[in-house]
């Protein structure tokens, strides 16, 4: 059996903070996942749970210095 294909996207340790009037707030905390070749991913959660910020961080639209994001 051959090795499985590497993931098309690998995300490790994503944490994102935003600044507010009251200081900084961690809106994403230590998220990790892989997207397999020909795979699908759905970000599902309640309002305010960090779905949009996770997606924006993966796209590098907001800084997430602690994350390791590897695109295959």
PDB file of N, CA and C in Angstrom:
ATOM      1  N   UNK A   1       0.838  -1.172   0.000  1.00  0.00           N
ATOM      2  CA  UNK A   1       0.000   0.000   0.000  1.00  0.00           C
ATOM      3  C   UNK A   1       0.889   1.243   0.000  1.00  0.00           C
ATOM      4  N   UNK A   2       0.561   2.233  -0.816  1.00  0.00           N
ATOM      5  CA  UNK A   2       1.352   3.459  -0.878  1.00  0.00           C
ATOM      6  C   UNK A   2       0.927   4.421   0.231  1.00  0.00           C
ATOM      7  N   UNK A   3       1.809   5.385   0.489  1.00  0.00           N
ATOM      8  CA  UNK A   3       1.490   6.395   1.491  1.00  0.00           C
ATOM      9  C   UNK A   3       0.310   7.234   1.014  1.00  0.00           C
ATOM     10  N   UNK A   4      -0.541   7.674   1.943  1.00  0.00           N
ATOM     11  CA  UNK A   4      -1.649   8.540   1.536  1.00  0.00           C
ATOM     12  C   UNK A   4      -1.121   9.885   1.039  1.00  0.00           C
ATOM     13  N   UNK A   5      -1.882  10.520   0.186  1.00  0.00           N
ATOM     14  CA  UNK A   5      -1.498  11.832  -0.332  1.00  0.00           C
ATOM     15  C   UNK A   5      -1.427  12.831   0.811  1.00  0.00           C
ATOM     16  N   UNK A   6      -0.486  13.767   0.729  1.00  0.00           N
ATOM     17  CA  UNK A   6      -0.443  14.805   1.761  1.00  0.00           C
ATOM     18  C   UNK A   6      -1.697  15.678   1.657  1.00  0.00           C
ATOM     19  N   UNK A   7      -2.102  16.278   2.754  1.00  0.00           N
ATOM     20  CA  UNK A   7      -3.300  17.117   2.708  1.00  0.00           C
ATOM     21  C   UNK A   7      -3.087  18.330   1.807  1.00  0.00           C
ATOM     22  N   UNK A   8      -4.166  18.812   1.234  1.00  0.00           N
ATOM     23  CA  UNK A   8      -4.099  20.009   0.408  1.00  0.00           C
ATOM     24  C   UNK A   8      -3.940  21.253   1.294  1.00  0.00           C
ATOM     25  N   UNK A   9      -4.375  21.142   2.547  1.00  0.00           N
ATOM     26  CA  UNK A   9      -4.197  22.209   3.524  1.00  0.00           C
ATOM     27  C   UNK A   9      -4.007  21.569   4.887  1.00  0.00           C
ATOM     28  N   UNK A  10      -2.986  22.011   5.595  1.00  0.00           N
ATOM     29  CA  UNK A  10      -2.727  21.536   6.950  1.00  0.00           C
ATOM     30  C   UNK A  10      -2.621  22.754   7.857  1.00  0.00           C
ATOM     31  N   UNK A  11      -3.385  22.769   8.917  1.00  0.00           N
ATOM     32  CA  UNK A  11      -3.422  23.892   9.837  1.00  0.00           C
ATOM     33  C   UNK A  11      -3.132  23.372  11.237  1.00  0.00           C
ATOM     34  N   UNK A  12      -2.172  23.992  11.922  1.00  0.00           N
ATOM     35  CA  UNK A  12      -1.776  23.562  13.265  1.00  0.00           C
ATOM     36  C   UNK A  12      -1.652  24.763  14.196  1.00  0.00           C
ATOM     37  N   UNK A  13      -2.332  24.687  15.301  1.00  0.00           N
ATOM     38  CA  UNK A  13      -2.166  25.665  16.371  1.00  0.00           C
ATOM     39  C   UNK A  13      -2.612  27.078  16.045  1.00  0.00           C
ATOM     40  N   UNK A  14      -3.684  27.222  15.287  1.00  0.00           N
ATOM     41  CA  UNK A  14      -4.164  28.555  14.920  1.00  0.00           C
ATOM     42  C   UNK A  14      -4.816  29.234  16.115  1.00  0.00           C
ATOM     43  N   UNK A  15      -4.296  30.375  16.483  1.00  0.00           N
ATOM     44  CA  UNK A  15      -4.901  31.230  17.505  1.00  0.00           C
ATOM     45  C   UNK A  15      -4.904  32.645  16.956  1.00  0.00           C
ATOM     46  N   UNK A  16      -6.013  33.339  17.109  1.00  0.00           N
ATOM     47  CA  UNK A  16      -6.143  34.690  16.572  1.00  0.00           C
ATOM     48  C   UNK A  16      -6.714  35.596  17.643  1.00  0.00           C
ATOM     49  N   UNK A  17      -6.090  36.751  17.798  1.00  0.00           N
ATOM     50  CA  UNK A  17      -6.574  37.753  18.746  1.00  0.00           C
ATOM     51  C   UNK A  17      -6.952  39.016  17.994  1.00  0.00           C
ATOM     52  N   UNK A  18      -7.959  39.703  18.496  1.00  0.00           N
ATOM     53  CA  UNK A  18      -8.358  40.993  17.942  1.00  0.00           C
ATOM     54  C   UNK A  18      -8.351  42.016  19.066  1.00  0.00           C
ATOM     55  N   UNK A  19      -8.111  43.252  18.690  1.00  0.00           N
ATOM     56  CA  UNK A  19      -8.131  44.332  19.681  1.00  0.00           C
ATOM     57  C   UNK A  19      -9.535  44.921  19.752  1.00  0.00           C
ATOM     58  N   UNK A  20      -9.960  45.183  20.962  1.00  0.00           N
ATOM     59  CA  UNK A  20     -11.262  45.803  21.190  1.00  0.00           C
ATOM     60  C   UNK A  20     -11.058  47.030  22.071  1.00  0.00           C
ATOM     61  N   UNK A  21     -12.130  47.744  22.335  1.00  0.00           N
ATOM     62  CA  UNK A  21     -12.050  48.897  23.236  1.00  0.00           C
ATOM     63  C   UNK A  21     -11.637  48.480  24.641  1.00  0.00           C
ATOM     64  N   UNK A  22     -11.889  47.232  24.987  1.00  0.00           N
ATOM     65  CA  UNK A  22     -11.575  46.717  26.327  1.00  0.00           C
ATOM     66  C   UNK A  22     -10.261  45.951  26.381  1.00  0.00           C
ATOM     67  N   UNK A  23      -9.483  45.997  25.329  1.00  0.00           N
ATOM     68  CA  UNK A  23      -8.225  45.247  25.272  1.00  0.00           C
ATOM     69  C   UNK A  23      -8.269  44.232  24.153  1.00  0.00           C
ATOM     70  N   UNK A  24      -7.476  43.182  24.267  1.00  0.00           N
ATOM     71  CA  UNK A  24      -7.471  42.163  23.218  1.00  0.00           C
ATOM     72  C   UNK A  24      -8.339  40.972  23.634  1.00  0.00           C
ATOM     73  N   UNK A  25      -8.872  40.305  22.614  1.00  0.00           N
ATOM     74  CA  UNK A  25      -9.718  39.132  22.858  1.00  0.00           C
ATOM     75  C   UNK A  25      -9.267  38.016  21.936  1.00  0.00           C
ATOM     76  N   UNK A  26      -9.060  36.832  22.486  1.00  0.00           N
ATOM     77  CA  UNK A  26      -8.716  35.667  21.669  1.00  0.00           C
ATOM     78  C   UNK A  26     -10.011  35.107  21.100  1.00  0.00           C
ATOM     79  N   UNK A  27     -10.153  35.184  19.771  1.00  0.00           N
ATOM     80  CA  UNK A  27     -11.391  34.743  19.127  1.00  0.00           C
ATOM     81  C   UNK A  27     -11.262  33.358  18.509  1.00  0.00           C
ATOM     82  N   UNK A  28     -10.033  32.903  18.309  1.00  0.00           N
ATOM     83  CA  UNK A  28      -9.759  31.543  17.834  1.00  0.00           C
ATOM     84  C   UNK A  28      -8.639  31.013  18.710  1.00  0.00           C
ATOM     85  N   UNK A  29      -8.802  29.812  19.252  1.00  0.00           N
ATOM     86  CA  UNK A  29      -7.824  29.290  20.207  1.00  0.00           C
ATOM     87  C   UNK A  29      -7.391  27.870  19.853  1.00  0.00           C
ATOM     88  N   UNK A  30      -6.181  27.735  19.336  1.00  0.00           N
ATOM     89  CA  UNK A  30      -5.519  26.449  19.107  1.00  0.00           C
ATOM     90  C   UNK A  30      -6.319  25.493  18.208  1.00  0.00           C
ATOM     91  N   UNK A  31      -6.683  25.981  17.024  1.00  0.00           N
ATOM     92  CA  UNK A  31      -7.426  25.169  16.052  1.00  0.00           C
ATOM     93  C   UNK A  31      -6.443  24.434  15.150  1.00  0.00           C
ATOM     94  N   UNK A  32      -6.685  23.149  14.909  1.00  0.00           N
ATOM     95  CA  UNK A  32      -5.861  22.334  14.008  1.00  0.00           C
ATOM     96  C   UNK A  32      -6.766  21.432  13.177  1.00  0.00           C
ATOM     97  N   UNK A  33      -6.470  21.326  11.888  1.00  0.00           N
ATOM     98  CA  UNK A  33      -7.173  20.372  11.033  1.00  0.00           C
ATOM     99  C   UNK A  33      -6.419  20.191   9.727  1.00  0.00           C
ATOM    100  N   UNK A  34      -6.735  19.110   9.017  1.00  0.00           N
ATOM    101  CA  UNK A  34      -6.201  18.828   7.684  1.00  0.00           C
ATOM    102  C   UNK A  34      -7.362  18.746   6.707  1.00  0.00           C
ATOM    103  N   UNK A  35      -7.122  19.199   5.488  1.00  0.00           N
ATOM    104  CA  UNK A  35      -8.089  19.032   4.408  1.00  0.00           C
ATOM    105  C   UNK A  35      -7.464  18.066   3.410  1.00  0.00           C
ATOM    106  N   UNK A  36      -8.034  16.864   3.268  1.00  0.00           N
ATOM    107  CA  UNK A  36      -7.455  15.886   2.343  1.00  0.00           C
ATOM    108  C   UNK A  36      -7.704  16.278   0.890  1.00  0.00           C
ATOM    109  N   UNK A  37      -6.883  15.727   0.009  1.00  0.00           N
ATOM    110  CA  UNK A  37      -7.081  15.933  -1.420  1.00  0.00           C
ATOM    111  C   UNK A  37      -8.496  15.472  -1.764  1.00  0.00           C
ATOM    112  N   UNK A  38      -9.202  16.261  -2.539  1.00  0.00           N
ATOM    113  CA  UNK A  38     -10.592  15.992  -2.934  1.00  0.00           C
ATOM    114  C   UNK A  38     -11.529  15.947  -1.732  1.00  0.00           C
ATOM    115  N   UNK A  39     -11.104  16.505  -0.608  1.00  0.00           N
ATOM    116  CA  UNK A  39     -11.945  16.517   0.582  1.00  0.00           C
ATOM    117  C   UNK A  39     -12.735  17.802   0.687  1.00  0.00           C
ATOM    118  N   UNK A  40     -13.644  17.819   1.618  1.00  0.00           N
ATOM    119  CA  UNK A  40     -14.467  18.988   1.884  1.00  0.00           C
ATOM    120  C   UNK A  40     -14.426  19.279   3.371  1.00  0.00           C
ATOM    121  N   UNK A  41     -14.531  20.549   3.706  1.00  0.00           N
ATOM    122  CA  UNK A  41     -14.531  20.965   5.102  1.00  0.00           C
ATOM    123  C   UNK A  41     -15.681  21.937   5.304  1.00  0.00           C
ATOM    124  N   UNK A  42     -16.341  21.823   6.419  1.00  0.00           N
ATOM    125  CA  UNK A  42     -17.382  22.773   6.799  1.00  0.00           C
ATOM    126  C   UNK A  42     -17.031  23.333   8.171  1.00  0.00           C
ATOM    127  N   UNK A  43     -17.018  24.637   8.292  1.00  0.00           N
ATOM    128  CA  UNK A  43     -16.849  25.280   9.591  1.00  0.00           C
ATOM    129  C   UNK A  43     -18.245  25.538  10.137  1.00  0.00           C
ATOM    130  N   UNK A  44     -18.580  24.824  11.195  1.00  0.00           N
ATOM    131  CA  UNK A  44     -19.928  24.883  11.748  1.00  0.00           C
ATOM    132  C   UNK A  44     -19.842  25.303  13.205  1.00  0.00           C
ATOM    133  N   UNK A  45     -20.691  26.213  13.605  1.00  0.00           N
ATOM    134  CA  UNK A  45     -20.723  26.621  14.999  1.00  0.00           C
ATOM    135  C   UNK A  45     -21.739  27.718  15.216  1.00  0.00           C
ATOM    136  N   UNK A  46     -21.945  28.036  16.467  1.00  0.00           N
ATOM    137  CA  UNK A  46     -22.893  29.079  16.828  1.00  0.00           C
ATOM    138  C   UNK A  46     -22.373  30.444  16.410  1.00  0.00           C
ATOM    139  N   UNK A  47     -23.256  31.404  16.374  1.00  0.00           N
ATOM    140  CA  UNK A  47     -22.891  32.780  16.072  1.00  0.00           C
ATOM    141  C   UNK A  47     -21.828  33.250  17.066  1.00  0.00           C
ATOM    142  N   UNK A  48     -20.764  33.839  16.543  1.00  0.00           N
ATOM    143  CA  UNK A  48     -19.699  34.342  17.404  1.00  0.00           C
ATOM    144  C   UNK A  48     -18.687  33.312  17.842  1.00  0.00           C
ATOM    145  N   UNK A  49     -18.707  32.113  17.249  1.00  0.00           N
ATOM    146  CA  UNK A  49     -17.798  31.050  17.692  1.00  0.00           C
ATOM    147  C   UNK A  49     -16.436  31.076  17.005  1.00  0.00           C
ATOM    148  N   UNK A  50     -16.230  31.960  16.016  1.00  0.00           N
ATOM    149  CA  UNK A  50     -14.914  32.091  15.398  1.00  0.00           C
ATOM    150  C   UNK A  50     -14.785  31.525  13.998  1.00  0.00           C
ATOM    151  N   UNK A  51     -15.889  31.180  13.364  1.00  0.00           N
ATOM    152  CA  UNK A  51     -15.831  30.586  12.015  1.00  0.00           C
ATOM    153  C   UNK A  51     -15.211  31.550  11.002  1.00  0.00           C
ATOM    154  N   UNK A  52     -15.709  32.774  10.964  1.00  0.00           N
ATOM    155  CA  UNK A  52     -15.208  33.754  10.002  1.00  0.00           C
ATOM    156  C   UNK A  52     -13.756  34.096  10.281  1.00  0.00           C
ATOM    157  N   UNK A  53     -13.392  34.283  11.541  1.00  0.00           N
ATOM    158  CA  UNK A  53     -12.004  34.615  11.872  1.00  0.00           C
ATOM    159  C   UNK A  53     -11.071  33.456  11.550  1.00  0.00           C
ATOM    160  N   UNK A  54     -11.535  32.222  11.710  1.00  0.00           N
ATOM    161  CA  UNK A  54     -10.721  31.069  11.318  1.00  0.00           C
ATOM    162  C   UNK A  54     -10.467  31.103   9.821  1.00  0.00           C
ATOM    163  N   UNK A  55     -11.519  31.305   9.038  1.00  0.00           N
ATOM    164  CA  UNK A  55     -11.367  31.359   7.581  1.00  0.00           C
ATOM    165  C   UNK A  55     -10.476  32.522   7.165  1.00  0.00           C
ATOM    166  N   UNK A  56     -10.656  33.684   7.777  1.00  0.00           N
ATOM    167  CA  UNK A  56      -9.826  34.843   7.438  1.00  0.00           C
ATOM    168  C   UNK A  56      -8.368  34.608   7.817  1.00  0.00           C
ATOM    169  N   UNK A  57      -8.134  33.900   8.902  1.00  0.00           N
ATOM    170  CA  UNK A  57      -6.762  33.586   9.308  1.00  0.00           C
ATOM    171  C   UNK A  57      -6.109  32.612   8.340  1.00  0.00           C
ATOM    172  N   UNK A  58      -6.863  31.602   7.892  1.00  0.00           N
ATOM    173  CA  UNK A  58      -6.329  30.642   6.921  1.00  0.00           C
ATOM    174  C   UNK A  58      -5.949  31.361   5.633  1.00  0.00           C
ATOM    175  N   UNK A  59      -6.760  32.332   5.227  1.00  0.00           N
ATOM    176  CA  UNK A  59      -6.478  33.109   4.015  1.00  0.00           C
ATOM    177  C   UNK A  59      -5.439  34.197   4.250  1.00  0.00           C
ATOM    178  N   UNK A  60      -4.955  34.299   5.486  1.00  0.00           N
ATOM    179  CA  UNK A  60      -3.953  35.281   5.903  1.00  0.00           C
ATOM    180  C   UNK A  60      -4.434  36.721   5.734  1.00  0.00           C
ATOM    181  N   UNK A  61      -5.728  36.914   5.948  1.00  0.00           N
ATOM    182  CA  UNK A  61      -6.295  38.258   5.927  1.00  0.00           C
ATOM    183  C   UNK A  61      -6.175  38.932   7.284  1.00  0.00           C
ATOM    184  N   UNK A  62      -5.949  38.137   8.317  1.00  0.00           N
ATOM    185  CA  UNK A  62      -5.644  38.645   9.656  1.00  0.00           C
ATOM    186  C   UNK A  62      -4.418  37.887  10.155  1.00  0.00           C
ATOM    187  N   UNK A  63      -3.550  38.541  10.923  1.00  0.00           N
ATOM    188  CA  UNK A  63      -2.332  37.864  11.387  1.00  0.00           C
ATOM    189  C   UNK A  63      -2.617  36.805  12.445  1.00  0.00           C
ATOM    190  N   UNK A  64      -1.933  35.683  12.320  1.00  0.00           N
ATOM    191  CA  UNK A  64      -1.985  34.597  13.304  1.00  0.00           C
ATOM    192  C   UNK A  64      -0.578  34.038  13.451  1.00  0.00           C
ATOM    193  N   UNK A  65       0.281  34.751  14.181  1.00  0.00           N
ATOM    194  CA  UNK A  65       1.699  34.376  14.228  1.00  0.00           C
ATOM    195  C   UNK A  65       1.992  33.002  14.802  1.00  0.00           C
ATOM    196  N   UNK A  66       1.100  32.457  15.622  1.00  0.00           N
ATOM    197  CA  UNK A  66       1.389  31.156  16.234  1.00  0.00           C
ATOM    198  C   UNK A  66       1.051  29.983  15.324  1.00  0.00           C
ATOM    199  N   UNK A  67       0.348  30.240  14.237  1.00  0.00           N
ATOM    200  CA  UNK A  67      -0.150  29.153  13.390  1.00  0.00           C
ATOM    201  C   UNK A  67       0.892  28.663  12.401  1.00  0.00           C
ATOM    202  N   UNK A  68       0.787  27.374  12.096  1.00  0.00           N
ATOM    203  CA  UNK A  68       1.549  26.792  10.990  1.00  0.00           C
ATOM    204  C   UNK A  68       0.521  26.405   9.934  1.00  0.00           C
ATOM    205  N   UNK A  69       0.537  27.117   8.805  1.00  0.00           N
ATOM    206  CA  UNK A  69      -0.406  26.878   7.722  1.00  0.00           C
ATOM    207  C   UNK A  69       0.389  26.424   6.512  1.00  0.00           C
ATOM    208  N   UNK A  70       0.109  25.212   6.045  1.00  0.00           N
ATOM    209  CA  UNK A  70       0.824  24.652   4.895  1.00  0.00           C
ATOM    210  C   UNK A  70      -0.189  24.289   3.827  1.00  0.00           C
ATOM    211  N   UNK A  71      -0.035  24.889   2.660  1.00  0.00           N
ATOM    212  CA  UNK A  71      -0.906  24.571   1.524  1.00  0.00           C
ATOM    213  C   UNK A  71      -0.146  23.667   0.577  1.00  0.00           C
ATOM    214  N   UNK A  72      -0.798  22.580   0.144  1.00  0.00           N
ATOM    215  CA  UNK A  72      -0.155  21.623  -0.738  1.00  0.00           C
ATOM    216  C   UNK A  72      -0.453  21.861  -2.178  1.00  0.00           C
TER     217      UNK A  72
END
